[in-house]
Amino acid sequence: MRKNIVAGNWKMNKNLQEGVELAKELNEALKGKTINCDVVIGTPFIHLAAVANIVDSDKIGVAAQNCANKVSGAYTGEVSAEMVASTGAKYVILGHSERRAYYHETAEILKEKVGLTLANGLTPIFCIGEVLEERESEKHFDVVKSQIVDSLFELSAEDFGKIVLAYEPVWAIGTGKTASPAQAQEMHAFIRKTLVEKYGNEVANNTSILYGGSANADNAKELFSNPDVDGGLIGGASLSVDKFMPVIEAF
């Protein structure tokens, strides 16, 4: 059975000391609790080793927010998948809409990143989603399908089975807007159907598909109650334990 996952994406927030403190607080908040989902926190690169070292790995997985599409070499400022893995992190967020929009990451670049992430034993949390113009012109299904096909569909069924998908309607990220539970379910069901067509029922039914787009304590329970919504990729609400814990507990 596929896993329920609540993953926090800290983005470019929290200095090292603040990040370590937040990780400690979350670790403490989860201590002794039975939770019905996997918890992941996506920290800036400089936090990874420190945070991975202090959290209970049975309770919290640590994610990088990106990695390079090169193995190693003269790429000043880049961080390789191997480097990420060496910190103790277990996940990498790839293809986030901000990376696609601001840093012009293409389907080909993301395909390379996915391959390197898997080769280093890391789990990609692969983001897909449409902008408002694409939804309003009713191209949202085509856009999301092409993002999956162009970067992931050369993977074997075995390797695809290691991927977590995160659907993020770009028009609902940081805007306070949220896709309605019905809109989220409709897209997640379409994504799963797309996977069935390529990889069959077993792979599709075992793939976790998270919702990312202004999910928070107020709407998480309703969003997560949908049969094809397996958790959330949480932005702003992951930056404090008081806001993040209710999302985790929505399961």
C-alpha atoms as a PDB file:
ATOM      1  CA  MET A   1       0.000   0.000   0.000  1.00  0.00           C
ATOM      2  CA  ARG A   2       1.143   3.527  -0.747  1.00  0.00           C
ATOM      3  CA  LYS A   3       2.287   5.736   2.084  1.00  0.00           C
ATOM      4  CA  ASN A   4       0.639   8.841   3.450  1.00  0.00           C
ATOM      5  CA  ILE A   5       3.288  11.577   3.585  1.00  0.00           C
ATOM      6  CA  VAL A   6       3.348  15.106   4.973  1.00  0.00           C
ATOM      7  CA  ALA A   7       6.442  16.906   3.725  1.00  0.00           C
ATOM      8  CA  GLY A   8       7.433  20.407   4.782  1.00  0.00           C
ATOM      9  CA  ASN A   9       9.299  22.610   2.295  1.00  0.00           C
ATOM     10  CA  TRP A  10      11.073  25.346   4.201  1.00  0.00           C
ATOM     11  CA  LYS A  11      12.195  27.056   0.965  1.00  0.00           C
ATOM     12  CA  MET A  12      14.764  29.834   1.595  1.00  0.00           C
ATOM     13  CA  ASN A  13      13.806  30.420   5.211  1.00  0.00           C
ATOM     14  CA  LYS A  14      15.520  29.941   8.594  1.00  0.00           C
ATOM     15  CA  ASN A  15      19.210  30.446   9.207  1.00  0.00           C
ATOM     16  CA  LEU A  16      21.155  27.412  10.434  1.00  0.00           C
ATOM     17  CA  GLN A  17      20.523  28.001  14.126  1.00  0.00           C
ATOM     18  CA  GLU A  18      16.805  28.660  13.583  1.00  0.00           C
ATOM     19  CA  GLY A  19      16.487  25.587  11.382  1.00  0.00           C
ATOM     20  CA  VAL A  20      18.157  23.328  13.914  1.00  0.00           C
ATOM     21  CA  GLU A  21      15.886  24.707  16.621  1.00  0.00           C
ATOM     22  CA  LEU A  22      12.767  24.104  14.508  1.00  0.00           C
ATOM     23  CA  ALA A  23      13.870  20.537  13.781  1.00  0.00           C
ATOM     24  CA  LYS A  24      14.427  19.927  17.503  1.00  0.00           C
ATOM     25  CA  GLU A  25      10.981  21.310  18.327  1.00  0.00           C
ATOM     26  CA  LEU A  26       9.327  19.081  15.729  1.00  0.00           C
ATOM     27  CA  ASN A  27      11.290  16.078  16.961  1.00  0.00           C
ATOM     28  CA  GLU A  28      10.086  16.772  20.497  1.00  0.00           C
ATOM     29  CA  ALA A  29       6.476  17.308  19.384  1.00  0.00           C
ATOM     30  CA  LEU A  30       6.425  13.904  17.662  1.00  0.00           C
ATOM     31  CA  LYS A  31       8.057  12.040  20.537  1.00  0.00           C
ATOM     32  CA  GLY A  32       5.796   9.343  21.926  1.00  0.00           C
ATOM     33  CA  LYS A  33       3.030  10.084  19.411  1.00  0.00           C
ATOM     34  CA  THR A  34       1.499   7.604  17.023  1.00  0.00           C
ATOM     35  CA  ILE A  35       1.194   9.284  13.649  1.00  0.00           C
ATOM     36  CA  ASN A  36      -0.490   7.903  10.561  1.00  0.00           C
ATOM     37  CA  CYS A  37       1.858   9.356   7.946  1.00  0.00           C
ATOM     38  CA  ASP A  38       5.527   9.700   7.150  1.00  0.00           C
ATOM     39  CA  VAL A  39       6.898  13.137   8.055  1.00  0.00           C
ATOM     40  CA  VAL A  40       9.557  14.813   5.913  1.00  0.00           C
ATOM     41  CA  ILE A  41      11.218  18.217   6.254  1.00  0.00           C
ATOM     42  CA  GLY A  42      12.888  19.862   3.249  1.00  0.00           C
ATOM     43  CA  THR A  43      15.623  22.164   4.483  1.00  0.00           C
ATOM     44  CA  PRO A  44      18.162  24.437   2.777  1.00  0.00           C
ATOM     45  CA  PHE A  45      21.396  22.647   1.851  1.00  0.00           C
ATOM     46  CA  ILE A  46      23.410  24.131   4.709  1.00  0.00           C
ATOM     47  CA  HIS A  47      20.995  22.653   7.258  1.00  0.00           C
ATOM     48  CA  LEU A  48      20.947  19.088   5.966  1.00  0.00           C
ATOM     49  CA  ALA A  49      23.779  17.451   7.895  1.00  0.00           C
ATOM     50  CA  ALA A  50      22.943  19.149  11.195  1.00  0.00           C
ATOM     51  CA  VAL A  51      19.216  18.426  10.956  1.00  0.00           C
ATOM     52  CA  ALA A  52      19.644  14.817   9.801  1.00  0.00           C
ATOM     53  CA  ASN A  53      21.912  14.271  12.793  1.00  0.00           C
ATOM     54  CA  ILE A  54      19.451  15.496  15.426  1.00  0.00           C
ATOM     55  CA  VAL A  55      16.058  14.193  14.319  1.00  0.00           C
ATOM     56  CA  ASP A  56      14.705  10.731  15.065  1.00  0.00           C
ATOM     57  CA  SER A  57      14.985   9.102  11.637  1.00  0.00           C
ATOM     58  CA  ASP A  58      12.149   6.732  12.540  1.00  0.00           C
ATOM     59  CA  LYS A  59       9.858   9.747  12.831  1.00  0.00           C
ATOM     60  CA  ILE A  60      11.273  12.365  10.443  1.00  0.00           C
ATOM     61  CA  GLY A  61      12.870  12.079   7.029  1.00  0.00           C
ATOM     62  CA  VAL A  62      15.060  14.888   5.771  1.00  0.00           C
ATOM     63  CA  ALA A  63      14.919  16.252   2.216  1.00  0.00           C
ATOM     64  CA  ALA A  64      17.080  18.545   0.141  1.00  0.00           C
ATOM     65  CA  GLN A  65      15.102  21.078  -1.878  1.00  0.00           C
ATOM     66  CA  ASN A  66      17.103  20.443  -5.051  1.00  0.00           C
ATOM     67  CA  CYS A  67      20.284  18.840  -6.381  1.00  0.00           C
ATOM     68  CA  ALA A  68      22.542  19.261  -9.390  1.00  0.00           C
ATOM     69  CA  ASN A  69      22.061  17.455 -12.684  1.00  0.00           C
ATOM     70  CA  LYS A  70      25.793  16.622 -12.758  1.00  0.00           C
ATOM     71  CA  VAL A  71      27.700  13.923 -10.894  1.00  0.00           C
ATOM     72  CA  SER A  72      30.618  16.157  -9.819  1.00  0.00           C
ATOM     73  CA  GLY A  73      33.157  18.582 -11.229  1.00  0.00           C
ATOM     74  CA  ALA A  74      33.646  22.267 -11.962  1.00  0.00           C
ATOM     75  CA  TYR A  75      30.127  23.461 -11.177  1.00  0.00           C
ATOM     76  CA  THR A  76      30.698  26.183  -8.622  1.00  0.00           C
ATOM     77  CA  GLY A  77      27.815  26.601  -6.179  1.00  0.00           C
ATOM     78  CA  GLU A  78      26.097  23.314  -7.085  1.00  0.00           C
ATOM     79  CA  VAL A  79      25.359  20.403  -4.728  1.00  0.00           C
ATOM     80  CA  SER A  80      25.334  16.874  -6.095  1.00  0.00           C
ATOM     81  CA  ALA A  81      22.948  14.051  -5.225  1.00  0.00           C
ATOM     82  CA  GLU A  82      25.887  12.159  -3.737  1.00  0.00           C
ATOM     83  CA  MET A  83      26.638  15.098  -1.440  1.00  0.00           C
ATOM     84  CA  VAL A  84      22.990  15.217  -0.363  1.00  0.00           C
ATOM     85  CA  ALA A  85      23.001  11.491   0.418  1.00  0.00           C
ATOM     86  CA  SER A  86      26.217  11.847   2.436  1.00  0.00           C
ATOM     87  CA  THR A  87      24.451  14.166   4.902  1.00  0.00           C
ATOM     88  CA  GLY A  88      21.932  11.503   5.918  1.00  0.00           C
ATOM     89  CA  ALA A  89      19.072  13.081   3.963  1.00  0.00           C
ATOM     90  CA  LYS A  90      16.743  10.566   2.320  1.00  0.00           C
ATOM     91  CA  TYR A  91      14.678  12.691  -0.079  1.00  0.00           C
ATOM     92  CA  VAL A  92      15.139  15.393  -2.718  1.00  0.00           C
ATOM     93  CA  ILE A  93      12.383  17.785  -3.847  1.00  0.00           C
ATOM     94  CA  LEU A  94      12.699  18.120  -7.624  1.00  0.00           C
ATOM     95  CA  GLY A  95      10.867  20.170 -10.235  1.00  0.00           C
ATOM     96  CA  HIS A  96       9.255  22.605  -7.844  1.00  0.00           C
ATOM     97  CA  SER A  97       7.420  25.315  -9.772  1.00  0.00           C
ATOM     98  CA  GLU A  98       9.812  27.934  -8.385  1.00  0.00           C
ATOM     99  CA  ARG A  99      12.781  25.999  -9.789  1.00  0.00           C
ATOM    100  CA  ARG A 100      11.030  25.657 -13.142  1.00  0.00           C
ATOM    101  CA  ALA A 101      10.009  29.325 -13.298  1.00  0.00           C
ATOM    102  CA  TYR A 102      12.977  31.171 -11.769  1.00  0.00           C
ATOM    103  CA  TYR A 103      15.836  28.859 -12.755  1.00  0.00           C
ATOM    104  CA  HIS A 104      14.461  27.571 -16.056  1.00  0.00           C
ATOM    105  CA  GLU A 105      14.724  23.889 -15.200  1.00  0.00           C
ATOM    106  CA  THR A 106      13.613  21.909 -18.232  1.00  0.00           C
ATOM    107  CA  ALA A 107      12.149  18.428 -18.514  1.00  0.00           C
ATOM    108  CA  GLU A 108      15.552  17.177 -19.683  1.00  0.00           C
ATOM    109  CA  ILE A 109      17.412  18.711 -16.732  1.00  0.00           C
ATOM    110  CA  LEU A 110      14.867  17.231 -14.348  1.00  0.00           C
ATOM    111  CA  LYS A 111      15.190  13.815 -15.992  1.00  0.00           C
ATOM    112  CA  GLU A 112      18.947  13.944 -15.269  1.00  0.00           C
ATOM    113  CA  LYS A 113      18.335  15.011 -11.667  1.00  0.00           C
ATOM    114  CA  VAL A 114      15.843  12.202 -11.093  1.00  0.00           C
ATOM    115  CA  GLY A 115      18.328   9.641 -12.419  1.00  0.00           C
ATOM    116  CA  LEU A 116      21.138  10.882 -10.174  1.00  0.00           C
ATOM    117  CA  THR A 117      18.844  11.060  -7.169  1.00  0.00           C
ATOM    118  CA  LEU A 118      17.756   7.432  -7.625  1.00  0.00           C
ATOM    119  CA  ALA A 119      21.339   6.309  -8.302  1.00  0.00           C
ATOM    120  CA  ASN A 120      22.321   7.670  -4.889  1.00  0.00           C
ATOM    121  CA  GLY A 121      19.525   5.899  -3.030  1.00  0.00           C
ATOM    122  CA  LEU A 122      17.435   9.023  -2.519  1.00  0.00           C
ATOM    123  CA  THR A 123      13.673   9.358  -2.981  1.00  0.00           C
ATOM    124  CA  PRO A 124      12.626  12.109  -5.391  1.00  0.00           C
ATOM    125  CA  ILE A 125       9.549  14.135  -4.456  1.00  0.00           C
ATOM    126  CA  PHE A 126       8.759  15.211  -8.006  1.00  0.00           C
ATOM    127  CA  CYS A 127       6.587  18.310  -8.398  1.00  0.00           C
ATOM    128  CA  ILE A 128       4.126  18.895 -11.216  1.00  0.00           C
ATOM    129  CA  GLY A 129       1.420  21.489 -11.750  1.00  0.00           C
ATOM    130  CA  GLU A 130      -0.108  24.174 -13.917  1.00  0.00           C
ATOM    131  CA  VAL A 131      -0.165  27.967 -13.769  1.00  0.00           C
ATOM    132  CA  LEU A 132      -3.437  29.901 -13.652  1.00  0.00           C
ATOM    133  CA  GLU A 133      -3.468  30.700 -17.373  1.00  0.00           C
ATOM    134  CA  GLU A 134      -3.123  26.995 -18.204  1.00  0.00           C
ATOM    135  CA  ARG A 135      -5.998  26.068 -15.929  1.00  0.00           C
ATOM    136  CA  GLU A 136      -8.250  28.830 -17.219  1.00  0.00           C
ATOM    137  CA  SER A 137      -7.586  27.729 -20.816  1.00  0.00           C
ATOM    138  CA  GLU A 138      -8.345  24.124 -19.770  1.00  0.00           C
ATOM    139  CA  LYS A 139      -4.844  22.893 -20.598  1.00  0.00           C
ATOM    140  CA  HIS A 140      -4.093  21.790 -17.035  1.00  0.00           C
ATOM    141  CA  PHE A 141      -4.440  18.050 -17.672  1.00  0.00           C
ATOM    142  CA  ASP A 142      -2.197  18.215 -20.754  1.00  0.00           C
ATOM    143  CA  VAL A 143       0.421  20.276 -18.921  1.00  0.00           C
ATOM    144  CA  VAL A 144       0.597  17.936 -15.932  1.00  0.00           C
ATOM    145  CA  LYS A 145       0.678  14.827 -18.104  1.00  0.00           C
ATOM    146  CA  SER A 146       3.531  16.198 -20.218  1.00  0.00           C
ATOM    147  CA  GLN A 147       5.548  17.092 -17.099  1.00  0.00           C
ATOM    148  CA  ILE A 148       5.278  13.479 -15.927  1.00  0.00           C
ATOM    149  CA  VAL A 149       5.855  11.880 -19.320  1.00  0.00           C
ATOM    150  CA  ASP A 150       8.785  14.083 -20.376  1.00  0.00           C
ATOM    151  CA  SER A 151      10.840  13.642 -17.190  1.00  0.00           C
ATOM    152  CA  LEU A 152       9.782  10.289 -15.722  1.00  0.00           C
ATOM    153  CA  PHE A 153       8.370   7.883 -18.281  1.00  0.00           C
ATOM    154  CA  GLU A 154      11.751   6.565 -19.414  1.00  0.00           C
ATOM    155  CA  LEU A 155      12.158   5.049 -15.943  1.00  0.00           C
ATOM    156  CA  SER A 156      11.645   1.337 -15.440  1.00  0.00           C
ATOM    157  CA  ALA A 157       8.589   0.317 -13.446  1.00  0.00           C
ATOM    158  CA  GLU A 158      10.928  -0.588 -10.583  1.00  0.00           C
ATOM    159  CA  ASP A 159      12.542   2.857 -10.534  1.00  0.00           C
ATOM    160  CA  PHE A 160       9.264   4.703 -11.010  1.00  0.00           C
ATOM    161  CA  GLY A 161       8.004   2.848  -7.945  1.00  0.00           C
ATOM    162  CA  LYS A 162      10.562   4.815  -5.896  1.00  0.00           C
ATOM    163  CA  ILE A 163       9.104   8.201  -6.900  1.00  0.00           C
ATOM    164  CA  VAL A 164       6.761  10.380  -4.825  1.00  0.00           C
ATOM    165  CA  LEU A 165       4.694  12.847  -6.866  1.00  0.00           C
ATOM    166  CA  ALA A 166       3.518  16.226  -5.607  1.00  0.00           C
ATOM    167  CA  TYR A 167       0.783  18.032  -7.519  1.00  0.00           C
ATOM    168  CA  GLU A 168       1.005  21.756  -6.949  1.00  0.00           C
ATOM    169  CA  PRO A 169      -1.407  24.040  -8.750  1.00  0.00           C
ATOM    170  CA  VAL A 170       1.002  26.950  -9.179  1.00  0.00           C
ATOM    171  CA  TRP A 171      -1.837  29.459  -8.844  1.00  0.00           C
ATOM    172  CA  ALA A 172      -2.406  28.221  -5.292  1.00  0.00           C
ATOM    173  CA  ILE A 173       1.166  28.429  -3.970  1.00  0.00           C
ATOM    174  CA  GLY A 174       1.678  31.204  -1.454  1.00  0.00           C
ATOM    175  CA  THR A 175      -1.413  32.997  -2.735  1.00  0.00           C
ATOM    176  CA  GLY A 176      -3.814  31.872  -0.031  1.00  0.00           C
ATOM    177  CA  LYS A 177      -5.883  30.220  -2.756  1.00  0.00           C
ATOM    178  CA  THR A 178      -6.311  26.482  -2.578  1.00  0.00           C
ATOM    179  CA  ALA A 179      -7.633  24.033  -5.096  1.00  0.00           C
ATOM    180  CA  SER A 180     -10.940  22.781  -3.759  1.00  0.00           C
ATOM    181  CA  PRO A 181     -10.874  19.200  -2.451  1.00  0.00           C
ATOM    182  CA  ALA A 182     -12.847  18.231  -5.566  1.00  0.00           C
ATOM    183  CA  GLN A 183     -10.298  19.919  -7.865  1.00  0.00           C
ATOM    184  CA  ALA A 184      -7.425  18.243  -6.033  1.00  0.00           C
ATOM    185  CA  GLN A 185      -9.070  14.830  -6.228  1.00  0.00           C
ATOM    186  CA  GLU A 186      -9.892  15.289  -9.913  1.00  0.00           C
ATOM    187  CA  MET A 187      -6.256  16.007 -10.800  1.00  0.00           C
ATOM    188  CA  HIS A 188      -4.826  13.318  -8.525  1.00  0.00           C
ATOM    189  CA  ALA A 189      -7.181  10.748 -10.050  1.00  0.00           C
ATOM    190  CA  PHE A 190      -6.104  11.883 -13.539  1.00  0.00           C
ATOM    191  CA  ILE A 191      -2.443  11.530 -12.552  1.00  0.00           C
ATOM    192  CA  ARG A 192      -3.026   8.021 -11.234  1.00  0.00           C
ATOM    193  CA  LYS A 193      -4.884   7.093 -14.426  1.00  0.00           C
ATOM    194  CA  THR A 194      -1.892   8.373 -16.427  1.00  0.00           C
ATOM    195  CA  LEU A 195       0.376   6.093 -14.386  1.00  0.00           C
ATOM    196  CA  VAL A 196      -1.928   3.112 -14.932  1.00  0.00           C
ATOM    197  CA  GLU A 197      -1.685   3.590 -18.693  1.00  0.00           C
ATOM    198  CA  LYS A 198       2.119   3.455 -18.569  1.00  0.00           C
ATOM    199  CA  TYR A 199       3.004   1.199 -15.649  1.00  0.00           C
ATOM    200  CA  GLY A 200      -0.165  -0.668 -14.739  1.00  0.00           C
ATOM    201  CA  ASN A 201      -2.373  -0.765 -11.666  1.00  0.00           C
ATOM    202  CA  GLU A 202       0.154  -2.018  -9.127  1.00  0.00           C
ATOM    203  CA  VAL A 203       2.704   0.770  -9.666  1.00  0.00           C
ATOM    204  CA  ALA A 204      -0.009   3.429  -9.974  1.00  0.00           C
ATOM    205  CA  ASN A 205      -1.806   2.334  -6.830  1.00  0.00           C
ATOM    206  CA  ASN A 206       1.427   2.244  -4.841  1.00  0.00           C
ATOM    207  CA  THR A 207       2.564   5.749  -5.883  1.00  0.00           C
ATOM    208  CA  SER A 208       2.016   8.443  -3.264  1.00  0.00           C
ATOM    209  CA  ILE A 209       0.639  11.656  -4.775  1.00  0.00           C
ATOM    210  CA  LEU A 210       0.850  14.670  -2.475  1.00  0.00           C
ATOM    211  CA  TYR A 211      -1.060  17.938  -2.781  1.00  0.00           C
ATOM    212  CA  GLY A 212       0.991  21.132  -2.598  1.00  0.00           C
ATOM    213  CA  GLY A 213      -0.705  24.494  -2.756  1.00  0.00           C
ATOM    214  CA  SER A 214      -1.468  26.472   0.401  1.00  0.00           C
ATOM    215  CA  ALA A 215      -2.416  23.379   2.373  1.00  0.00           C
ATOM    216  CA  ASN A 216      -2.666  24.153   6.081  1.00  0.00           C
ATOM    217  CA  ALA A 217      -4.315  23.169   9.353  1.00  0.00           C
ATOM    218  CA  ASP A 218      -7.677  24.515   8.206  1.00  0.00           C
ATOM    219  CA  ASN A 219      -8.008  22.534   4.981  1.00  0.00           C
ATOM    220  CA  ALA A 220      -5.675  19.536   5.358  1.00  0.00           C
ATOM    221  CA  LYS A 221      -8.236  17.125   6.791  1.00  0.00           C
ATOM    222  CA  GLU A 222     -10.694  17.731   3.955  1.00  0.00           C
ATOM    223  CA  LEU A 223      -7.980  17.540   1.292  1.00  0.00           C
ATOM    224  CA  PHE A 224      -6.468  14.357   2.726  1.00  0.00           C
ATOM    225  CA  SER A 225      -9.866  12.643   2.927  1.00  0.00           C
ATOM    226  CA  ASN A 226      -9.879  12.284  -0.868  1.00  0.00           C
ATOM    227  CA  PRO A 227      -9.033   8.749  -2.039  1.00  0.00           C
ATOM    228  CA  ASP A 228      -6.207   9.830  -4.347  1.00  0.00           C
ATOM    229  CA  VAL A 229      -4.653  12.523  -2.131  1.00  0.00           C
ATOM    230  CA  ASP A 230      -1.927  10.838  -0.105  1.00  0.00           C
ATOM    231  CA  GLY A 231      -0.647  13.807   1.847  1.00  0.00           C
ATOM    232  CA  GLY A 232       0.805  17.237   1.309  1.00  0.00           C
ATOM    233  CA  LEU A 233       3.871  19.213   0.332  1.00  0.00           C
ATOM    234  CA  ILE A 234       3.522  22.039   2.822  1.00  0.00           C
ATOM    235  CA  GLY A 235       5.156  25.450   2.466  1.00  0.00           C
ATOM    236  CA  GLY A 236       4.505  28.270   4.915  1.00  0.00           C
ATOM    237  CA  ALA A 237       2.673  26.089   7.440  1.00  0.00           C
ATOM    238  CA  SER A 238       5.808  23.949   7.876  1.00  0.00           C
ATOM    239  CA  LEU A 239       7.810  26.849   9.301  1.00  0.00           C
ATOM    240  CA  SER A 240       6.385  26.508  12.798  1.00  0.00           C
ATOM    241  CA  VAL A 241       5.571  23.417  14.795  1.00  0.00           C
ATOM    242  CA  ASP A 242       2.253  24.903  15.930  1.00  0.00           C
ATOM    243  CA  LYS A 243       1.086  25.139  12.310  1.00  0.00           C
ATOM    244  CA  PHE A 244       2.755  21.980  10.988  1.00  0.00           C
ATOM    245  CA  MET A 245       1.607  19.505  13.640  1.00  0.00           C
ATOM    246  CA  PRO A 246      -2.148  19.921  12.891  1.00  0.00           C
ATOM    247  CA  VAL A 247      -1.418  19.096   9.228  1.00  0.00           C
ATOM    248  CA  ILE A 248       0.466  15.952  10.284  1.00  0.00           C
ATOM    249  CA  GLU A 249      -2.369  15.040  12.641  1.00  0.00           C
ATOM    250  CA  ALA A 250      -4.981  15.510   9.875  1.00  0.00           C
ATOM    251  CA  PHE A 251      -4.311  11.840   9.082  1.00  0.00           C
END
